[in-house]
Amino acid sequence: MIEEDTRIKNPRNFKIVIDPYRMEKDDWGRELNYSEWVSKILRTLGHEMIHIKQYIMGELSFKRGALCWKSEKVGWMTEDGYYCSPHEVEAYGKEKWLQLGYTAIWNQIESGGMEMQ
């Protein structure tokens, strides 16, 4: 979300809030094991970070109360429309990539192959 006291036109302050307890189950209600749960949290974080990048780069914005992608109003009335909207296509497309990249770096740090700075 955009921080409360931030200008909505050109936001620069963001807050990602993830409720880990709402992520304990998958889409079918199956309880996730620990590694699946951590993976889901990291994917969600990556997804939301893509939206922050979109705001910072001016790709995603609010104009006159409407969500816009590259100055074009984004409107969706169906679930299909939501998942096909360009800002979500990018975020869903890159969330796994970011999660895998973070995990690879973390594994290098854990194995002693890379030092944290």
N, C-alpha and C. Protein backbone atom coordinates (compact mmCIF):
# COMPACT_ATOMS: atom_id res chain seq x y z
N MET A 1 0.84 -1.17 0.00
CA MET A 1 0.00 0.00 0.00
C MET A 1 0.88 1.23 0.00
N ILE A 2 0.31 2.31 -0.41
CA ILE A 2 1.00 3.58 -0.38
C ILE A 2 0.84 4.13 1.03
N GLU A 3 1.93 4.61 1.62
CA GLU A 3 1.88 5.15 2.99
C GLU A 3 0.83 6.25 3.08
N GLU A 4 0.23 6.39 4.25
CA GLU A 4 -0.89 7.30 4.46
C GLU A 4 -0.65 8.75 4.03
N ASP A 5 0.45 9.34 4.41
CA ASP A 5 0.68 10.76 4.15
C ASP A 5 1.45 11.01 2.86
N THR A 6 1.42 10.05 1.94
CA THR A 6 2.15 10.19 0.68
C THR A 6 1.22 10.69 -0.41
N ARG A 7 1.75 11.56 -1.26
CA ARG A 7 0.96 12.02 -2.40
C ARG A 7 0.60 10.84 -3.27
N ILE A 8 -0.63 10.72 -3.66
CA ILE A 8 -1.07 9.58 -4.45
C ILE A 8 -0.63 9.71 -5.91
N LYS A 9 -0.40 10.94 -6.37
CA LYS A 9 -0.04 11.15 -7.78
C LYS A 9 1.34 10.60 -8.11
N ASN A 10 2.31 10.81 -7.24
CA ASN A 10 3.67 10.37 -7.50
C ASN A 10 4.25 9.78 -6.22
N PRO A 11 3.70 8.63 -5.76
CA PRO A 11 4.10 8.12 -4.44
C PRO A 11 5.55 7.66 -4.40
N ARG A 12 6.17 7.85 -3.23
CA ARG A 12 7.54 7.41 -3.02
C ARG A 12 7.71 6.68 -1.69
N ASN A 13 6.66 6.62 -0.89
CA ASN A 13 6.70 5.92 0.39
C ASN A 13 5.68 4.79 0.35
N PHE A 14 6.17 3.59 0.57
CA PHE A 14 5.32 2.40 0.45
C PHE A 14 5.48 1.52 1.68
N LYS A 15 4.48 0.72 1.92
CA LYS A 15 4.53 -0.25 3.01
C LYS A 15 3.92 -1.55 2.47
N ILE A 16 4.68 -2.63 2.59
CA ILE A 16 4.17 -3.95 2.23
C ILE A 16 3.81 -4.65 3.53
N VAL A 17 2.56 -5.01 3.67
CA VAL A 17 2.08 -5.69 4.86
C VAL A 17 1.65 -7.10 4.46
N ILE A 18 2.31 -8.09 5.04
CA ILE A 18 1.98 -9.48 4.75
C ILE A 18 1.57 -10.15 6.05
N ASP A 19 0.38 -10.71 6.07
CA ASP A 19 -0.10 -11.43 7.24
C ASP A 19 0.27 -12.91 7.06
N PRO A 20 1.31 -13.37 7.76
CA PRO A 20 1.77 -14.74 7.55
C PRO A 20 0.73 -15.80 7.93
N TYR A 21 -0.18 -15.44 8.82
CA TYR A 21 -1.19 -16.41 9.25
C TYR A 21 -2.26 -16.64 8.18
N ARG A 22 -2.43 -15.68 7.28
CA ARG A 22 -3.38 -15.85 6.18
C ARG A 22 -2.76 -16.62 5.02
N MET A 23 -1.49 -16.98 5.17
CA MET A 23 -0.78 -17.66 4.09
C MET A 23 -0.43 -19.10 4.46
N GLU A 24 -1.07 -19.62 5.47
CA GLU A 24 -0.74 -20.97 5.94
C GLU A 24 -1.34 -22.07 5.08
N LYS A 25 -2.29 -21.71 4.21
CA LYS A 25 -2.94 -22.71 3.36
C LYS A 25 -2.82 -22.31 1.90
N ASP A 26 -2.88 -23.31 1.03
CA ASP A 26 -2.83 -23.03 -0.41
C ASP A 26 -4.25 -22.72 -0.90
N ASP A 27 -4.38 -22.55 -2.22
CA ASP A 27 -5.67 -22.19 -2.80
C ASP A 27 -6.74 -23.25 -2.61
N TRP A 28 -6.35 -24.45 -2.29
CA TRP A 28 -7.31 -25.56 -2.12
C TRP A 28 -7.55 -25.89 -0.65
N GLY A 29 -6.98 -25.09 0.26
CA GLY A 29 -7.19 -25.29 1.67
C GLY A 29 -6.21 -26.24 2.34
N ARG A 30 -5.24 -26.74 1.58
CA ARG A 30 -4.24 -27.64 2.15
C ARG A 30 -3.25 -26.83 2.96
N GLU A 31 -2.93 -27.30 4.17
CA GLU A 31 -1.97 -26.60 5.00
C GLU A 31 -0.56 -26.76 4.42
N LEU A 32 0.15 -25.64 4.29
CA LEU A 32 1.49 -25.65 3.72
C LEU A 32 2.51 -26.07 4.76
N ASN A 33 3.53 -26.81 4.31
CA ASN A 33 4.64 -27.09 5.22
C ASN A 33 5.50 -25.82 5.32
N TYR A 34 6.48 -25.84 6.20
CA TYR A 34 7.26 -24.64 6.47
C TYR A 34 7.93 -24.06 5.22
N SER A 35 8.58 -24.90 4.42
CA SER A 35 9.29 -24.37 3.25
C SER A 35 8.31 -23.83 2.20
N GLU A 36 7.15 -24.46 2.05
CA GLU A 36 6.14 -23.94 1.13
C GLU A 36 5.61 -22.58 1.61
N TRP A 37 5.42 -22.47 2.92
CA TRP A 37 4.92 -21.24 3.52
C TRP A 37 5.92 -20.10 3.32
N VAL A 38 7.19 -20.36 3.57
CA VAL A 38 8.22 -19.33 3.37
C VAL A 38 8.29 -18.95 1.89
N SER A 39 8.21 -19.92 1.01
CA SER A 39 8.24 -19.66 -0.42
C SER A 39 7.07 -18.76 -0.83
N LYS A 40 5.89 -19.04 -0.30
CA LYS A 40 4.71 -18.24 -0.63
C LYS A 40 4.87 -16.80 -0.14
N ILE A 41 5.42 -16.63 1.05
CA ILE A 41 5.65 -15.29 1.58
C ILE A 41 6.65 -14.53 0.70
N LEU A 42 7.73 -15.19 0.31
CA LEU A 42 8.74 -14.54 -0.53
C LEU A 42 8.19 -14.19 -1.91
N ARG A 43 7.36 -15.08 -2.48
CA ARG A 43 6.73 -14.79 -3.78
C ARG A 43 5.81 -13.57 -3.66
N THR A 44 5.04 -13.52 -2.58
CA THR A 44 4.13 -12.39 -2.37
C THR A 44 4.92 -11.10 -2.21
N LEU A 45 5.99 -11.15 -1.46
CA LEU A 45 6.85 -9.97 -1.29
C LEU A 45 7.41 -9.53 -2.64
N GLY A 46 7.90 -10.47 -3.44
CA GLY A 46 8.40 -10.15 -4.77
C GLY A 46 7.33 -9.52 -5.65
N HIS A 47 6.12 -10.06 -5.60
CA HIS A 47 5.00 -9.54 -6.39
C HIS A 47 4.73 -8.08 -6.02
N GLU A 48 4.66 -7.80 -4.74
CA GLU A 48 4.37 -6.43 -4.30
C GLU A 48 5.53 -5.49 -4.60
N MET A 49 6.76 -6.00 -4.56
CA MET A 49 7.91 -5.17 -4.92
C MET A 49 7.87 -4.76 -6.39
N ILE A 50 7.34 -5.62 -7.24
CA ILE A 50 7.17 -5.27 -8.66
C ILE A 50 6.19 -4.10 -8.79
N HIS A 51 5.10 -4.12 -8.01
CA HIS A 51 4.16 -3.00 -8.05
C HIS A 51 4.83 -1.71 -7.58
N ILE A 52 5.69 -1.79 -6.57
CA ILE A 52 6.42 -0.59 -6.13
C ILE A 52 7.30 -0.08 -7.26
N LYS A 53 8.00 -0.98 -7.93
CA LYS A 53 8.83 -0.59 -9.08
C LYS A 53 7.96 0.10 -10.13
N GLN A 54 6.76 -0.43 -10.38
CA GLN A 54 5.87 0.15 -11.38
C GLN A 54 5.47 1.58 -11.01
N TYR A 55 5.19 1.81 -9.73
CA TYR A 55 4.87 3.18 -9.29
C TYR A 55 6.07 4.10 -9.44
N ILE A 56 7.23 3.66 -9.01
CA ILE A 56 8.42 4.50 -9.05
C ILE A 56 8.80 4.84 -10.49
N MET A 57 8.66 3.89 -11.40
CA MET A 57 9.00 4.13 -12.81
C MET A 57 7.90 4.89 -13.56
N GLY A 58 6.78 5.15 -12.89
CA GLY A 58 5.69 5.88 -13.53
C GLY A 58 4.81 5.03 -14.43
N GLU A 59 4.99 3.72 -14.39
CA GLU A 59 4.17 2.82 -15.20
C GLU A 59 2.77 2.67 -14.62
N LEU A 60 2.69 2.60 -13.30
CA LEU A 60 1.43 2.44 -12.59
C LEU A 60 1.17 3.73 -11.83
N SER A 61 -0.05 4.26 -11.94
CA SER A 61 -0.36 5.52 -11.27
C SER A 61 -1.85 5.61 -11.00
N PHE A 62 -2.21 6.62 -10.22
CA PHE A 62 -3.61 6.97 -9.99
C PHE A 62 -3.84 8.31 -10.63
N LYS A 63 -4.86 8.40 -11.46
CA LYS A 63 -5.23 9.67 -12.06
C LYS A 63 -6.75 9.81 -11.92
N ARG A 64 -7.13 10.89 -11.26
CA ARG A 64 -8.55 11.16 -11.03
C ARG A 64 -9.26 9.97 -10.39
N GLY A 65 -8.59 9.35 -9.43
CA GLY A 65 -9.19 8.24 -8.70
C GLY A 65 -9.19 6.91 -9.41
N ALA A 66 -8.57 6.85 -10.59
CA ALA A 66 -8.55 5.61 -11.36
C ALA A 66 -7.12 5.06 -11.44
N LEU A 67 -7.01 3.76 -11.39
CA LEU A 67 -5.71 3.11 -11.56
C LEU A 67 -5.36 3.14 -13.05
N CYS A 68 -4.13 3.56 -13.34
CA CYS A 68 -3.70 3.68 -14.75
C CYS A 68 -2.39 2.93 -14.96
N TRP A 69 -2.29 2.27 -16.10
CA TRP A 69 -1.06 1.61 -16.54
C TRP A 69 -0.58 2.36 -17.76
N LYS A 70 0.60 2.98 -17.63
CA LYS A 70 1.19 3.77 -18.71
C LYS A 70 0.17 4.76 -19.29
N SER A 71 -0.48 5.47 -18.37
CA SER A 71 -1.46 6.53 -18.66
C SER A 71 -2.81 6.04 -19.18
N GLU A 72 -2.99 4.74 -19.32
CA GLU A 72 -4.28 4.19 -19.76
C GLU A 72 -5.02 3.64 -18.55
N LYS A 73 -6.29 4.00 -18.42
CA LYS A 73 -7.09 3.52 -17.30
C LYS A 73 -7.18 2.00 -17.31
N VAL A 74 -6.96 1.41 -16.14
CA VAL A 74 -7.06 -0.04 -15.99
C VAL A 74 -8.43 -0.33 -15.41
N GLY A 75 -9.21 -1.07 -16.12
CA GLY A 75 -10.52 -1.44 -15.61
C GLY A 75 -10.73 -2.93 -15.76
N TRP A 76 -11.18 -3.54 -14.72
CA TRP A 76 -11.51 -4.96 -14.82
C TRP A 76 -12.74 -5.22 -13.98
N MET A 77 -13.59 -6.04 -14.51
CA MET A 77 -14.82 -6.39 -13.81
C MET A 77 -14.86 -7.88 -13.50
N THR A 78 -13.94 -8.61 -14.07
CA THR A 78 -13.93 -10.06 -13.88
C THR A 78 -12.57 -10.50 -13.34
N GLU A 79 -12.52 -11.70 -12.84
CA GLU A 79 -11.25 -12.24 -12.37
C GLU A 79 -10.28 -12.40 -13.54
N ASP A 80 -10.78 -12.81 -14.69
CA ASP A 80 -9.92 -12.91 -15.88
C ASP A 80 -9.32 -11.56 -16.23
N GLY A 81 -10.14 -10.51 -16.17
CA GLY A 81 -9.65 -9.17 -16.47
C GLY A 81 -8.56 -8.73 -15.52
N TYR A 82 -8.70 -9.09 -14.25
CA TYR A 82 -7.69 -8.76 -13.25
C TYR A 82 -6.37 -9.43 -13.59
N TYR A 83 -6.40 -10.74 -13.82
CA TYR A 83 -5.16 -11.48 -14.08
C TYR A 83 -4.54 -11.13 -15.43
N CYS A 84 -5.32 -10.58 -16.34
CA CYS A 84 -4.80 -10.18 -17.66
C CYS A 84 -4.35 -8.72 -17.71
N SER A 85 -4.60 -7.96 -16.64
CA SER A 85 -4.18 -6.56 -16.64
C SER A 85 -2.66 -6.50 -16.64
N PRO A 86 -2.08 -5.58 -17.40
CA PRO A 86 -0.62 -5.57 -17.62
C PRO A 86 0.20 -5.47 -16.34
N HIS A 87 -0.25 -4.70 -15.35
CA HIS A 87 0.55 -4.58 -14.13
C HIS A 87 0.56 -5.89 -13.34
N GLU A 88 -0.52 -6.65 -13.40
CA GLU A 88 -0.56 -7.94 -12.71
C GLU A 88 0.19 -9.02 -13.50
N VAL A 89 0.12 -8.96 -14.81
CA VAL A 89 0.86 -9.93 -15.63
C VAL A 89 2.35 -9.82 -15.31
N GLU A 90 2.86 -8.59 -15.24
CA GLU A 90 4.27 -8.41 -14.91
C GLU A 90 4.58 -8.90 -13.50
N ALA A 91 3.74 -8.52 -12.53
CA ALA A 91 4.00 -8.89 -11.13
C ALA A 91 3.94 -10.41 -10.93
N TYR A 92 2.91 -11.06 -11.48
CA TYR A 92 2.83 -12.52 -11.35
C TYR A 92 3.96 -13.20 -12.13
N GLY A 93 4.35 -12.61 -13.26
CA GLY A 93 5.40 -13.20 -14.07
C GLY A 93 6.78 -13.15 -13.42
N LYS A 94 7.01 -12.16 -12.58
CA LYS A 94 8.35 -11.99 -11.99
C LYS A 94 8.44 -12.41 -10.52
N GLU A 95 7.30 -12.68 -9.88
CA GLU A 95 7.34 -12.99 -8.44
C GLU A 95 8.16 -14.24 -8.16
N LYS A 96 7.99 -15.27 -8.95
CA LYS A 96 8.73 -16.53 -8.74
C LYS A 96 10.22 -16.32 -9.00
N TRP A 97 10.55 -15.56 -10.03
CA TRP A 97 11.93 -15.25 -10.37
C TRP A 97 12.62 -14.54 -9.20
N LEU A 98 11.95 -13.56 -8.60
CA LEU A 98 12.53 -12.85 -7.45
C LEU A 98 12.68 -13.78 -6.26
N GLN A 99 11.69 -14.61 -6.01
CA GLN A 99 11.75 -15.56 -4.90
C GLN A 99 12.90 -16.54 -5.09
N LEU A 100 13.08 -17.05 -6.28
CA LEU A 100 14.17 -17.99 -6.54
C LEU A 100 15.54 -17.30 -6.42
N GLY A 101 15.63 -16.06 -6.88
CA GLY A 101 16.88 -15.32 -6.76
C GLY A 101 17.26 -15.08 -5.31
N TYR A 102 16.28 -14.68 -4.51
CA TYR A 102 16.53 -14.46 -3.09
C TYR A 102 16.97 -15.76 -2.43
N THR A 103 16.26 -16.84 -2.72
CA THR A 103 16.57 -18.14 -2.13
C THR A 103 17.98 -18.59 -2.51
N ALA A 104 18.38 -18.39 -3.76
CA ALA A 104 19.72 -18.78 -4.20
C ALA A 104 20.80 -18.01 -3.45
N ILE A 105 20.59 -16.71 -3.29
CA ILE A 105 21.57 -15.90 -2.56
C ILE A 105 21.60 -16.30 -1.10
N TRP A 106 20.42 -16.52 -0.51
CA TRP A 106 20.36 -16.94 0.89
C TRP A 106 21.11 -18.27 1.09
N ASN A 107 20.93 -19.20 0.17
CA ASN A 107 21.61 -20.50 0.27
C ASN A 107 23.13 -20.33 0.19
N GLN A 108 23.60 -19.40 -0.65
CA GLN A 108 25.04 -19.12 -0.73
C GLN A 108 25.55 -18.55 0.59
N ILE A 109 24.78 -17.65 1.18
CA ILE A 109 25.18 -17.07 2.47
C ILE A 109 25.22 -18.15 3.54
N GLU A 110 24.22 -18.99 3.59
CA GLU A 110 24.13 -20.05 4.59
C GLU A 110 25.27 -21.07 4.45
N SER A 111 25.67 -21.34 3.22
CA SER A 111 26.73 -22.32 3.00
C SER A 111 28.14 -21.73 3.19
N GLY A 112 28.20 -20.43 3.45
CA GLY A 112 29.49 -19.78 3.65
C GLY A 112 30.14 -19.33 2.37
N GLY A 113 29.46 -19.48 1.24
CA GLY A 113 30.00 -19.07 -0.05
C GLY A 113 29.90 -17.59 -0.33
N MET A 114 29.17 -16.86 0.51
CA MET A 114 29.01 -15.42 0.29
C MET A 114 28.83 -14.76 1.66
N GLU A 115 29.49 -13.65 1.84
CA GLU A 115 29.36 -12.93 3.10
C GLU A 115 28.31 -11.83 2.97
N MET A 116 27.53 -11.65 4.04
CA MET A 116 26.57 -10.56 4.08
C MET A 116 27.32 -9.25 4.29
N GLN A 117 26.88 -8.20 3.66
CA GLN A 117 27.55 -6.90 3.80
C GLN A 117 26.75 -5.97 4.64
